[in-house]
Amino acid sequence: MSSYTIANEPGAPEGRTTEVGWDAPLSTYFLSAFEPGDDPDGDDTEVFWYGCTPAEVPTVDALDALLAKHNLVVTAPIASALVQDREREGRRFSTRPTAALIADLVRPIVDDAQQARIDAELTRRPS
């Protein structure tokens, strides 16, 4: 799994951390932002998080669309690294012993296009 901290959107609160990366075990790119929380356990507060279900963000273009939604950009070196990370680490959702169970559990909360990508991942050989 790769992870890169990127610049926050203009006007974001102090302390926000925004990250992008490739999650090979879920076969998805991700984009997340967290802010320091007031919780006694010290847990941060989630602002947004995409790519936490299998095959949710399948391409860098899909990631770019999410970035634009939040007025965020990644530098060319990070965009290139993300592509290389996917090529190097592969797509490994289908290798998880619980992949079919996870696919069934997320079925009610994902759209048809994502479910089709998940089903395709289940039938592919790991890369």
C-alpha atoms as a PDB file:
ATOM      1  CA  MET A   1       0.000   0.000   0.000  1.00  0.00           C
ATOM      2  CA  SER A   2       1.313   3.395  -0.908  1.00  0.00           C
ATOM      3  CA  SER A   3       0.407   6.685   0.697  1.00  0.00           C
ATOM      4  CA  TYR A   4       1.318  10.273  -0.141  1.00  0.00           C
ATOM      5  CA  THR A   5       0.401  13.375   1.819  1.00  0.00           C
ATOM      6  CA  ILE A   6      -0.823  16.128  -0.477  1.00  0.00           C
ATOM      7  CA  ALA A   7      -1.606  19.814  -0.012  1.00  0.00           C
ATOM      8  CA  ASN A   8      -4.985  20.510   1.561  1.00  0.00           C
ATOM      9  CA  GLU A   9      -7.731  22.377  -0.215  1.00  0.00           C
ATOM     10  CA  PRO A  10      -7.626  26.166   0.160  1.00  0.00           C
ATOM     11  CA  GLY A  11      -9.120  27.253   3.482  1.00  0.00           C
ATOM     12  CA  ALA A  12      -8.841  23.823   5.109  1.00  0.00           C
ATOM     13  CA  PRO A  13      -8.528  23.911   8.896  1.00  0.00           C
ATOM     14  CA  GLU A  14      -5.108  23.798  10.517  1.00  0.00           C
ATOM     15  CA  GLY A  15      -4.010  20.247  11.204  1.00  0.00           C
ATOM     16  CA  ARG A  16      -5.934  18.532   8.404  1.00  0.00           C
ATOM     17  CA  THR A  17      -4.020  15.726   6.708  1.00  0.00           C
ATOM     18  CA  THR A  18      -4.992  14.703   3.179  1.00  0.00           C
ATOM     19  CA  GLU A  19      -3.552  11.574   1.587  1.00  0.00           C
ATOM     20  CA  VAL A  20      -3.782   9.625  -1.649  1.00  0.00           C
ATOM     21  CA  GLY A  21      -2.438   6.182  -2.467  1.00  0.00           C
ATOM     22  CA  TRP A  22      -2.895   2.723  -3.924  1.00  0.00           C
ATOM     23  CA  ASP A  23      -4.368  -0.053  -1.753  1.00  0.00           C
ATOM     24  CA  ALA A  24      -3.475  -3.339  -3.473  1.00  0.00           C
ATOM     25  CA  PRO A  25      -5.443  -5.582  -1.062  1.00  0.00           C
ATOM     26  CA  LEU A  26      -8.628  -3.669  -1.978  1.00  0.00           C
ATOM     27  CA  SER A  27      -7.579  -3.047  -5.619  1.00  0.00           C
ATOM     28  CA  THR A  28      -8.394   0.649  -5.337  1.00  0.00           C
ATOM     29  CA  TYR A  29      -6.864   4.076  -5.179  1.00  0.00           C
ATOM     30  CA  PHE A  30      -7.843   6.100  -2.124  1.00  0.00           C
ATOM     31  CA  LEU A  31      -8.239   9.708  -1.055  1.00  0.00           C
ATOM     32  CA  SER A  32      -8.747  10.600   2.583  1.00  0.00           C
ATOM     33  CA  ALA A  33      -8.678  13.614   4.839  1.00  0.00           C
ATOM     34  CA  PHE A  34      -8.624  13.657   8.634  1.00  0.00           C
ATOM     35  CA  GLU A  35      -8.499  16.419  11.227  1.00  0.00           C
ATOM     36  CA  PRO A  36      -7.325  16.231  14.818  1.00  0.00           C
ATOM     37  CA  GLY A  37     -10.230  15.090  16.951  1.00  0.00           C
ATOM     38  CA  ASP A  38     -11.409  16.013  20.423  1.00  0.00           C
ATOM     39  CA  ASP A  39     -11.911  12.373  21.295  1.00  0.00           C
ATOM     40  CA  PRO A  40     -10.204  11.278  24.537  1.00  0.00           C
ATOM     41  CA  ASP A  41      -8.609   8.348  22.675  1.00  0.00           C
ATOM     42  CA  GLY A  42      -6.853  10.798  20.374  1.00  0.00           C
ATOM     43  CA  ASP A  43      -8.576   9.500  17.247  1.00  0.00           C
ATOM     44  CA  ASP A  44      -8.702  11.866  14.302  1.00  0.00           C
ATOM     45  CA  THR A  45     -12.002  12.920  12.740  1.00  0.00           C
ATOM     46  CA  GLU A  46     -12.706  11.718   9.220  1.00  0.00           C
ATOM     47  CA  VAL A  47     -13.506  14.555   6.793  1.00  0.00           C
ATOM     48  CA  PHE A  48     -13.851  12.281   3.759  1.00  0.00           C
ATOM     49  CA  TRP A  49     -12.535   8.904   2.685  1.00  0.00           C
ATOM     50  CA  TYR A  50     -12.839   7.316  -0.737  1.00  0.00           C
ATOM     51  CA  GLY A  51     -11.407   3.946  -1.643  1.00  0.00           C
ATOM     52  CA  CYS A  52     -12.339   2.102   1.526  1.00  0.00           C
ATOM     53  CA  THR A  53     -14.302  -0.580  -0.337  1.00  0.00           C
ATOM     54  CA  PRO A  54     -12.969  -2.910  -3.051  1.00  0.00           C
ATOM     55  CA  ALA A  55     -12.452  -1.475  -6.559  1.00  0.00           C
ATOM     56  CA  GLU A  56     -14.075   1.821  -5.516  1.00  0.00           C
ATOM     57  CA  VAL A  57     -11.573   4.120  -7.269  1.00  0.00           C
ATOM     58  CA  PRO A  58     -10.197   1.974 -10.104  1.00  0.00           C
ATOM     59  CA  THR A  59      -8.158   4.509 -12.090  1.00  0.00           C
ATOM     60  CA  VAL A  60      -6.102   7.650 -11.661  1.00  0.00           C
ATOM     61  CA  ASP A  61      -8.757   9.431 -13.760  1.00  0.00           C
ATOM     62  CA  ALA A  62     -11.422   8.426 -11.221  1.00  0.00           C
ATOM     63  CA  LEU A  63      -9.119   9.648  -8.444  1.00  0.00           C
ATOM     64  CA  ASP A  64      -8.638  12.954 -10.300  1.00  0.00           C
ATOM     65  CA  ALA A  65     -12.427  13.428 -10.422  1.00  0.00           C
ATOM     66  CA  LEU A  66     -12.631  12.991  -6.637  1.00  0.00           C
ATOM     67  CA  LEU A  67      -9.707  15.351  -6.114  1.00  0.00           C
ATOM     68  CA  ALA A  68     -11.444  18.000  -8.247  1.00  0.00           C
ATOM     69  CA  LYS A  69     -14.611  17.597  -6.173  1.00  0.00           C
ATOM     70  CA  HIS A  70     -12.603  18.791  -3.155  1.00  0.00           C
ATOM     71  CA  ASN A  71     -10.496  21.413  -4.983  1.00  0.00           C
ATOM     72  CA  LEU A  72      -7.410  19.228  -4.623  1.00  0.00           C
ATOM     73  CA  VAL A  73      -4.642  18.340  -7.037  1.00  0.00           C
ATOM     74  CA  VAL A  74      -1.706  15.970  -6.992  1.00  0.00           C
ATOM     75  CA  THR A  75       1.658  16.914  -8.395  1.00  0.00           C
ATOM     76  CA  ALA A  76       2.863  15.185 -11.554  1.00  0.00           C
ATOM     77  CA  PRO A  77       5.485  13.179  -9.602  1.00  0.00           C
ATOM     78  CA  ILE A  78       2.824  11.839  -7.206  1.00  0.00           C
ATOM     79  CA  ALA A  79       0.449  11.019 -10.075  1.00  0.00           C
ATOM     80  CA  SER A  80       3.251   9.111 -11.784  1.00  0.00           C
ATOM     81  CA  ALA A  81       4.145   7.323  -8.547  1.00  0.00           C
ATOM     82  CA  LEU A  82       0.506   6.253  -8.084  1.00  0.00           C
ATOM     83  CA  VAL A  83       0.488   4.593 -11.504  1.00  0.00           C
ATOM     84  CA  GLN A  84       3.813   2.892 -10.750  1.00  0.00           C
ATOM     85  CA  ASP A  85       2.545   1.747  -7.336  1.00  0.00           C
ATOM     86  CA  ARG A  86      -0.423  -0.006  -8.945  1.00  0.00           C
ATOM     87  CA  GLU A  87       1.839  -1.649 -11.529  1.00  0.00           C
ATOM     88  CA  ARG A  88       4.383  -2.740  -8.897  1.00  0.00           C
ATOM     89  CA  GLU A  89       1.982  -3.829  -6.145  1.00  0.00           C
ATOM     90  CA  GLY A  90      -0.720  -5.247  -8.414  1.00  0.00           C
ATOM     91  CA  ARG A  91      -4.378  -5.800  -7.689  1.00  0.00           C
ATOM     92  CA  ARG A  92      -4.690  -8.345  -4.913  1.00  0.00           C
ATOM     93  CA  PHE A  93      -8.321  -8.265  -3.796  1.00  0.00           C
ATOM     94  CA  SER A  94      -8.967 -11.684  -5.317  1.00  0.00           C
ATOM     95  CA  THR A  95      -6.157 -13.220  -3.216  1.00  0.00           C
ATOM     96  CA  ARG A  96      -7.801 -12.346   0.091  1.00  0.00           C
ATOM     97  CA  PRO A  97      -9.305 -15.406   1.789  1.00  0.00           C
ATOM     98  CA  THR A  98     -12.376 -13.346   2.651  1.00  0.00           C
ATOM     99  CA  ALA A  99     -12.778 -11.634  -0.740  1.00  0.00           C
ATOM    100  CA  ALA A 100     -16.126 -13.276  -1.583  1.00  0.00           C
ATOM    101  CA  LEU A 101     -17.480 -12.472   1.881  1.00  0.00           C
ATOM    102  CA  ILE A 102     -16.347  -8.836   1.616  1.00  0.00           C
ATOM    103  CA  ALA A 103     -17.932  -8.608  -1.850  1.00  0.00           C
ATOM    104  CA  ASP A 104     -21.253  -9.842  -0.449  1.00  0.00           C
ATOM    105  CA  LEU A 105     -21.093  -7.528   2.562  1.00  0.00           C
ATOM    106  CA  VAL A 106     -20.531  -4.385   0.491  1.00  0.00           C
ATOM    107  CA  ARG A 107     -23.125  -5.311  -2.162  1.00  0.00           C
ATOM    108  CA  PRO A 108     -25.935  -3.318  -0.455  1.00  0.00           C
ATOM    109  CA  ILE A 109     -23.846  -0.141  -0.185  1.00  0.00           C
ATOM    110  CA  VAL A 110     -22.079   0.083  -3.554  1.00  0.00           C
ATOM    111  CA  ASP A 111     -23.489   1.064  -6.934  1.00  0.00           C
ATOM    112  CA  ASP A 112     -23.884  -1.425  -9.786  1.00  0.00           C
ATOM    113  CA  ALA A 113     -20.754  -0.234 -11.603  1.00  0.00           C
ATOM    114  CA  GLN A 114     -18.579  -0.775  -8.530  1.00  0.00           C
ATOM    115  CA  GLN A 115     -20.181  -4.153  -7.862  1.00  0.00           C
ATOM    116  CA  ALA A 116     -19.360  -5.182 -11.430  1.00  0.00           C
ATOM    117  CA  ARG A 117     -15.717  -4.174 -10.827  1.00  0.00           C
ATOM    118  CA  ILE A 118     -15.676  -6.162  -7.566  1.00  0.00           C
ATOM    119  CA  ASP A 119     -17.136  -9.222  -9.305  1.00  0.00           C
ATOM    120  CA  ALA A 120     -14.519  -8.878 -12.073  1.00  0.00           C
ATOM    121  CA  GLU A 121     -11.775  -8.686  -9.433  1.00  0.00           C
ATOM    122  CA  LEU A 122     -13.028 -11.924  -7.881  1.00  0.00           C
ATOM    123  CA  THR A 123     -12.582 -13.780 -11.171  1.00  0.00           C
ATOM    124  CA  ARG A 124      -9.167 -12.406 -12.141  1.00  0.00           C
ATOM    125  CA  ARG A 125      -5.795 -13.837 -11.388  1.00  0.00           C
ATOM    126  CA  PRO A 126      -3.655 -11.676  -9.108  1.00  0.00           C
ATOM    127  CA  SER A 127      -1.167  -9.365 -10.795  1.00  0.00           C
END
